[in-house]
Amino acid sequence: MSGNFKNIKAGIKTAIDTLSGTGEKIAVVYDYDRSTFSGFPAVIISPSENSSDYANTEADKVVFVFKVRAFYPITKESEHEDAEKALEDVVDELLDLFSDRRVVPACDWVEPAPSAWYYEERGEAVYRVAEITVRCRKYVDRKVC
């Protein structure tokens, strides 16, 4: 089965990479967790959970869930507004990207919801974080005996 955590995460990264780089709303994308970043806003893609549902009336499926988190540093009080605006732009871009249900080739259906906003301490820094839960459904053909 080509739909697994490794292949799907690579597909999510490839899709988000199209939105990143110089002059873009996302500076850098990582497919692993880290505590330092080479630019901002930075995005981290992490596997979160999975579930399956076989022999039901809908279809046999496996669901792979990922957290896509965007980070922006806050070093002084005056940067809160900059962080909010930057992450609003990132979240809007990501929601637009994942509104194409087939943007990740290893998935049959992509669903970008729900999302959460919070602050996080990493190392010596405080970050504003916007997190989107990306659910990737993969329909499978299971042989029933």
Foldseek 3Di string as FASTA:
>chain_A
DCQDPVLQLVLLQVLVVVQEPPPGLEDEEEADDDQDDPDPQYKYKAWDDKDWDDDDPPATKIKTKIKIKTKDWDPDPVCPVVQVVSVVRVVVVSVVSCVPQCSRVSAPGKDWDDKDWDWDDGDPTIITMIIIMIMGMHGDDDDDD
